[in-house]
Protein backbone atom coordinates (compact mmCIF):
# COMPACT_ATOMS: atom_id res chain seq x y z
CA MET A 1 19.25 20.64 -13.10
CA VAL A 2 15.87 19.93 -14.63
CA SER A 3 14.27 22.95 -16.27
CA THR A 4 11.18 24.22 -14.51
CA THR A 5 9.35 23.97 -17.82
CA LEU A 6 9.53 20.19 -17.51
CA ALA A 7 6.80 20.22 -14.90
CA LEU A 8 3.29 21.18 -15.93
CA ARG A 9 0.83 22.08 -13.20
CA VAL A 10 -2.36 20.10 -13.68
CA ALA A 11 -5.33 20.16 -11.30
CA GLY A 12 -3.22 21.72 -8.55
CA LYS A 13 -0.46 19.10 -8.76
CA GLN A 14 2.78 18.79 -10.71
CA TYR A 15 3.58 15.80 -12.89
CA SER A 16 7.08 15.79 -14.35
CA ASP A 17 7.53 12.21 -15.57
CA LEU A 18 4.23 10.35 -15.84
CA LEU A 19 5.42 7.87 -18.46
CA GLY A 20 8.41 7.06 -16.29
CA GLU A 21 6.03 6.45 -13.38
CA ILE A 22 4.03 4.02 -15.51
CA ARG A 23 7.16 2.12 -16.55
CA ASN A 24 8.23 1.84 -12.92
CA SER A 25 4.82 0.41 -11.96
CA PHE A 26 4.77 -2.47 -14.44
CA ASP A 27 5.85 -5.12 -11.94
CA SER A 28 2.99 -4.23 -9.59
CA LEU A 29 0.25 -4.17 -12.25
CA HIS A 30 -2.08 -7.03 -13.07
CA ALA A 31 -1.97 -8.38 -16.63
CA SER A 32 -4.98 -6.38 -17.86
CA GLU A 33 -3.68 -3.21 -16.20
CA ALA A 34 -0.25 -3.77 -17.71
CA ALA A 35 -1.89 -3.98 -21.13
CA ILE A 36 -3.38 -0.52 -20.60
CA ALA A 37 -0.04 0.77 -19.35
CA GLN A 38 1.72 -0.43 -22.49
CA LEU A 39 -0.86 1.25 -24.71
CA VAL A 40 -0.41 4.53 -22.84
CA ILE A 41 3.36 4.36 -23.22
CA ASP A 42 3.14 3.50 -26.92
CA ASN A 43 0.34 5.96 -27.76
CA PRO A 44 0.25 8.78 -25.18
CA ASP A 45 -1.13 11.37 -27.63
CA GLN A 46 -3.93 9.08 -28.75
CA VAL A 47 -4.90 7.87 -25.27
CA ALA A 48 -4.95 11.45 -23.95
CA GLU A 49 -7.91 12.15 -26.26
CA MET A 50 -9.93 9.10 -25.17
CA ASN A 51 -12.69 8.91 -22.58
CA ILE A 52 -12.79 5.94 -20.23
CA SER A 53 -15.07 3.81 -22.46
CA GLN A 54 -12.88 4.40 -25.50
CA LEU A 55 -9.73 3.41 -23.62
CA ALA A 56 -11.42 0.27 -22.30
CA ALA A 57 -12.37 -0.72 -25.84
CA PHE A 58 -8.96 0.25 -27.25
CA SER A 59 -7.20 -1.91 -24.65
CA ASP A 60 -9.74 -4.75 -24.89
CA THR A 61 -10.37 -4.51 -21.14
CA SER A 62 -13.20 -2.96 -19.12
CA VAL A 63 -14.11 0.40 -17.59
CA ALA A 64 -13.50 -1.08 -14.13
CA THR A 65 -10.01 -2.15 -15.18
CA VAL A 66 -9.21 1.34 -16.43
CA VAL A 67 -10.30 2.75 -13.07
CA ARG A 68 -8.14 0.21 -11.20
CA PHE A 69 -5.20 1.07 -13.46
CA SER A 70 -5.61 4.78 -12.67
CA LYS A 71 -5.81 4.14 -8.92
CA ALA A 72 -2.79 1.82 -9.05
CA LEU A 73 -0.78 4.82 -10.22
CA GLY A 74 -2.03 6.92 -7.33
CA TYR A 75 -4.90 8.83 -8.99
CA LYS A 76 -8.45 9.10 -7.69
CA GLY A 77 -9.81 7.85 -11.00
CA TYR A 78 -9.47 8.03 -14.77
CA PRO A 79 -10.39 11.75 -15.10
CA ASP A 80 -7.43 12.70 -12.88
CA PHE A 81 -5.13 10.33 -14.73
CA ARG A 82 -6.25 11.64 -18.12
CA MET A 83 -5.61 15.24 -17.04
CA ALA A 84 -2.11 14.25 -15.97
CA LEU A 85 -1.54 12.48 -19.28
CA VAL A 86 -2.66 15.58 -21.20
CA GLY A 87 -0.07 17.55 -19.24
CA GLU A 88 2.58 14.92 -19.95
CA VAL A 89 1.87 15.01 -23.69
CA SER A 90 2.09 18.81 -23.67
CA ARG A 91 5.38 18.65 -21.79
CA LEU A 92 6.85 16.08 -24.15
CA ASN A 93 5.84 18.08 -27.20
CA SER A 94 7.36 21.29 -25.87
CA ASN A 95 10.57 19.64 -24.66
CA SER A 96 10.99 16.88 -27.21
CA GLY A 97 14.55 17.83 -27.98
CA PHE A 98 15.41 17.90 -24.29
CA ILE A 99 14.25 14.48 -23.07
CA SER A 100 12.96 12.49 -26.03
CA ASN A 101 15.98 10.19 -26.26
CA LEU A 102 16.02 9.57 -22.51
CA ASP A 103 13.37 6.91 -22.98
CA GLY A 104 15.83 4.93 -25.09
CA GLY A 105 18.42 5.09 -22.35
CA ILE A 106 22.16 5.10 -22.92
CA THR A 107 23.13 3.36 -26.15
CA VAL A 108 26.38 1.83 -27.36
CA ASP A 109 26.72 4.75 -29.77
CA ASP A 110 26.57 7.50 -27.12
CA ASN A 111 29.76 9.43 -26.53
CA GLU A 112 31.04 10.48 -23.11
CA ALA A 113 29.26 13.86 -23.21
CA GLU A 114 25.91 12.19 -24.00
CA ILE A 115 26.39 9.65 -21.19
CA ILE A 116 27.00 12.46 -18.69
CA ARG A 117 24.01 14.44 -19.95
CA LYS A 118 21.60 11.50 -19.86
CA ILE A 119 22.64 10.32 -16.42
CA ALA A 120 22.43 13.83 -14.98
CA LEU A 121 18.98 14.28 -16.51
CA ALA A 122 17.68 10.90 -15.27
CA ASP A 123 18.94 11.57 -11.75
CA SER A 124 17.47 15.08 -11.73
CA ILE A 125 14.10 13.75 -12.83
CA ALA A 126 14.24 11.05 -10.13
CA ILE A 127 14.74 13.71 -7.44
CA GLN A 128 12.04 16.03 -8.76
CA SER A 129 9.51 13.26 -9.36
CA THR A 130 10.12 11.78 -5.91
CA ALA A 131 9.51 15.16 -4.27
CA GLU A 132 6.24 15.47 -6.18
CA ARG A 133 5.20 11.94 -5.27
CA LEU A 134 5.66 12.37 -1.51
CA ASP A 135 2.36 12.64 0.35
CA VAL A 136 2.78 15.50 2.83
CA PRO A 137 0.31 14.23 5.51
CA THR A 138 2.00 10.82 5.49
CA PHE A 139 5.42 12.48 5.55
CA LYS A 140 4.39 14.44 8.66
CA LYS A 141 3.14 11.28 10.38
CA VAL A 142 6.50 9.62 9.75
CA VAL A 143 8.35 12.55 11.35
CA ASP A 144 5.88 12.40 14.28
CA SER A 145 6.59 8.71 14.79
CA TRP A 146 10.35 9.28 14.69
CA GLU A 147 10.10 12.10 17.20
CA ASN A 148 8.13 9.94 19.65
CA ALA A 149 10.19 6.78 19.21
CA LYS A 150 12.88 5.88 21.73
CA THR A 151 14.82 3.93 19.10
CA ILE A 152 14.58 3.72 15.31
CA GLY A 153 15.60 0.58 13.46
CA ILE A 154 16.41 0.58 9.74
CA ILE A 155 16.57 -2.37 7.35
CA GLY A 156 17.89 -2.20 3.79
CA LEU A 157 19.55 -4.81 1.58
CA ALA A 158 22.06 -4.43 -1.25
CA SER A 159 22.05 -0.81 -2.54
CA SER A 160 19.25 0.08 -0.13
CA GLY A 161 21.63 -0.93 2.65
CA TYR A 162 23.76 2.13 1.90
CA VAL A 163 20.65 4.28 2.29
CA ALA A 164 19.92 2.58 5.62
CA MET A 165 23.44 3.35 6.85
CA ASP A 166 23.14 6.96 5.71
CA LEU A 167 19.86 7.34 7.58
CA GLN A 168 21.37 5.87 10.74
CA LEU A 169 24.28 8.31 10.56
CA LYS A 170 21.98 11.30 10.08
CA LEU A 171 19.69 10.30 12.95
CA ASN A 172 22.62 9.65 15.27
CA ARG A 173 23.97 13.13 14.52
CA LEU A 174 20.58 14.48 15.58
CA SER A 175 21.04 12.57 18.87
CA LYS A 176 18.27 10.11 17.95
CA PRO A 177 19.23 6.49 18.78
CA ALA A 178 19.10 4.48 15.55
CA ILE A 179 20.55 1.21 14.31
CA ALA A 180 20.76 -0.01 10.71
CA TRP A 181 20.88 -3.60 9.51
CA ARG A 182 21.97 -4.72 6.06
CA ASP A 183 20.83 -8.33 6.32
CA ALA A 184 17.77 -10.04 7.72
CA HIS A 185 19.65 -12.30 10.13
CA SER A 186 21.27 -9.37 11.95
CA ALA A 187 17.94 -7.57 12.16
CA LEU A 188 16.05 -10.56 13.53
CA THR A 189 18.70 -11.40 16.14
CA SER A 190 18.44 -7.77 17.34
CA ILE A 191 14.64 -7.73 17.42
CA SER A 192 14.50 -7.15 21.19
CA LEU A 193 16.07 -3.70 20.70
CA LEU A 194 12.75 -2.32 19.47
CA GLY A 195 9.39 -2.46 21.19
CA LYS A 196 6.00 -0.79 21.19
CA GLY A 197 6.33 2.90 20.35
CA ASP A 198 9.55 2.40 18.40
CA VAL A 199 9.83 2.54 14.62
CA LEU A 200 11.29 0.27 11.95
CA VAL A 201 12.12 1.95 8.65
CA ALA A 202 12.29 -0.50 5.73
CA VAL A 203 13.98 0.69 2.54
CA SER A 204 13.06 -1.42 -0.50
CA HIS A 205 12.74 -0.27 -4.10
CA SER A 206 10.36 -3.11 -5.03
CA GLY A 207 8.71 -3.56 -1.63
CA THR A 208 8.67 -7.31 -2.29
CA THR A 209 12.12 -8.52 -1.17
CA LEU A 210 11.41 -11.56 1.01
CA ASP A 211 14.03 -10.84 3.68
CA VAL A 212 12.78 -7.28 4.13
CA VAL A 213 9.15 -8.43 4.25
CA ASP A 214 9.99 -11.08 6.87
CA VAL A 215 11.74 -8.51 9.05
CA MET A 216 8.79 -6.13 8.73
CA ASN A 217 6.35 -8.85 9.81
CA GLU A 218 8.43 -9.87 12.83
CA PHE A 219 8.88 -6.34 14.14
CA LYS A 220 5.23 -5.45 13.53
CA ALA A 221 4.20 -8.44 15.65
CA ARG A 222 6.09 -6.79 18.53
CA GLY A 223 4.05 -3.60 18.21
CA VAL A 224 6.74 -1.67 16.33
CA LYS A 225 5.44 0.93 13.86
CA ILE A 226 6.54 0.11 10.31
CA VAL A 227 7.57 2.79 7.81
CA LEU A 228 8.34 1.74 4.24
CA ILE A 229 10.24 3.74 1.62
CA THR A 230 9.50 2.14 -1.77
CA ASN A 231 8.94 2.80 -5.45
CA SER A 232 5.97 0.46 -5.86
CA HIS A 233 2.37 1.39 -5.07
CA ARG A 234 1.34 -2.25 -4.90
CA SER A 235 3.58 -4.60 -2.97
CA VAL A 236 3.55 -6.98 -0.03
CA GLY A 237 5.58 -4.47 1.93
CA SER A 238 3.06 -1.69 1.30
CA SER A 239 0.27 -3.83 2.72
CA ILE A 240 2.28 -4.53 5.89
CA ALA A 241 3.58 -1.02 6.57
CA ASP A 242 1.71 1.48 8.72
CA LEU A 243 3.11 4.40 6.73
CA VAL A 244 4.47 4.35 3.17
CA LEU A 245 6.54 7.00 1.38
CA TYR A 246 6.90 6.51 -2.37
CA THR A 247 9.93 7.28 -4.48
CA SER A 248 10.01 7.74 -8.25
CA ALA A 249 13.05 6.38 -10.07
CA ARG A 250 13.24 5.70 -13.81
CA GLU A 251 15.89 3.26 -14.99
CA THR A 252 17.58 3.35 -18.39
CA THR A 253 19.80 1.04 -20.40
CA PHE A 254 23.18 0.21 -18.80
CA ARG A 255 21.94 1.43 -15.42
CA SER A 256 21.02 -0.99 -12.68
CA GLY A 257 18.13 -0.30 -10.34
CA ALA A 258 20.70 0.58 -7.70
CA THR A 259 21.55 4.01 -9.10
CA ALA A 260 18.39 6.04 -9.65
CA SER A 261 16.49 4.25 -6.90
CA ARG A 262 19.20 5.02 -4.35
CA ILE A 263 19.22 8.71 -5.32
CA ALA A 264 15.43 8.83 -4.93
CA GLN A 265 15.61 7.08 -1.55
CA LEU A 266 18.31 9.45 -0.32
CA THR A 267 16.09 12.37 -1.30
CA VAL A 268 13.35 11.06 0.99
CA VAL A 269 15.86 10.46 3.78
CA ASP A 270 17.23 13.99 3.50
CA CYS A 271 13.76 15.53 3.60
CA LEU A 272 12.76 13.50 6.66
CA CYS A 273 15.92 14.27 8.61
CA VAL A 274 15.79 18.00 7.90
CA ALA A 275 12.13 18.07 8.99
CA MET A 276 13.13 16.17 12.12
CA ALA A 277 15.96 18.60 12.87
CA GLN A 278 13.74 21.62 12.35
CA ARG A 279 11.30 20.56 15.06
CA ASN A 280 13.92 20.69 17.83
CA TRP A 281 16.36 23.16 16.38
CA SER A 282 18.08 24.20 19.62
CA GLU A 283 18.75 20.58 20.61
CA THR A 284 19.69 19.72 17.04
CA LYS A 285 22.17 22.59 16.85
CA SER A 286 23.83 21.48 20.07
CA ALA A 287 24.03 17.87 18.86
CA LEU A 288 25.54 18.91 15.53
CA GLU A 289 28.11 21.12 17.25
CA VAL A 290 29.16 18.24 19.49
CA SER A 291 29.54 15.90 16.51
CA ARG A 292 31.48 18.52 14.55
CA ALA A 293 33.81 19.05 17.49
CA ALA A 294 34.35 15.30 17.84
CA VAL A 295 35.48 14.89 14.24
CA GLY A 296 37.08 18.32 13.86
CA SER A 297 40.56 17.18 14.86
CA ARG A 298 40.31 14.18 12.54
CA SER A 299 39.61 16.39 9.53
CA GLY A 300 42.37 18.85 10.32
CA LYS A 301 39.87 21.66 10.86
CA LYS A 302 39.64 23.51 14.15
CA THR A 303 36.19 24.29 15.52
CA SER A 304 35.41 26.59 18.42
CA ALA A 305 34.70 23.55 20.57
CA THR A 306 37.99 21.83 19.70
CA SER A 307 39.88 25.08 20.20
CA GLU A 308 38.42 25.46 23.69
CA THR A 309 39.29 21.84 24.45
CA SER A 310 42.87 22.29 23.25
CA LYS A 311 43.22 25.52 25.25
CA SER A 312 41.94 23.81 28.38
CA ARG A 313 44.38 20.92 27.93
CA SER A 314 47.26 23.36 27.42
CA GLN A 315 46.42 25.27 30.59
CA THR A 316 46.16 22.01 32.54
CA LYS A 317 49.59 20.89 31.37
CA THR A 318 51.11 24.28 32.29
CA ARG A 319 49.68 24.16 35.78
CA THR A 320 50.91 20.58 36.23
CA ARG A 321 54.45 21.42 35.19
CA GLY A 322 54.47 24.48 37.48
CA GLY A 323 53.46 22.39 40.46
CA ASN A 324 56.32 19.92 39.89
CA LYS A 325 59.05 22.54 39.80
């Protein structure tokens, strides 16, 4: 579990892995913005002491580009970004022994204990950073849309497909009709299942996967509300979606994007489903009890519901035998 000292409260908000956020945003940055990003990663201490004009000169860009760079990362402007960077530098200096070698990822020289430690740390940071990155008003709007929808569709490819299936299972257990697709063809041939007032949840780490984008466009044309869970602030998917929830997943050497990104996506899914369940707790409790009873006999565990069912069956059999004597 990540130490609470890893997060430094700055301007009323917590930032636990700013440099990781910047690395994750490289693919969505323009060339001049990426140049600034690289300078920040290479010289965080130095950049933290610069005003906006100094950083523009240092990066051979412009003040306007520095502002765009800051906004691309989700900040209102450079002052907010600089405050976050100051906090990040302070955090790194006070916890250098704890996370400094995480940036280098897992190396060929790491032993088994170091591999376990680094993976656990990276995954913990992904969960914490994702929680910090979630915009609460947008989160609430997503739950509202789910509550009002008759049916929820979910699209996710490759590793995101497992997240889509997990979300479908959770929603179904809450008695909310949901269907998940793991390829574009299946989703498009089922397009008539959703209509105006329904919701399509797209899960895409990059937000640029062509098949996912095509599915989003087709369903949106039918009046379906589009929710996107992604790691990228700037993407084609983000421009299409009505509501976007951002994850924060840092990747390291030897680890594909599937691992940390999936953990971050599952964190968002868990938060949404718990919030959904909380709104209609009495109905949710009943639905969960029914599902537990249905699978209770399969797991070898007896629930009150399964016990009552078994008792009823036993009494029925006894009465039947008595009547045949």
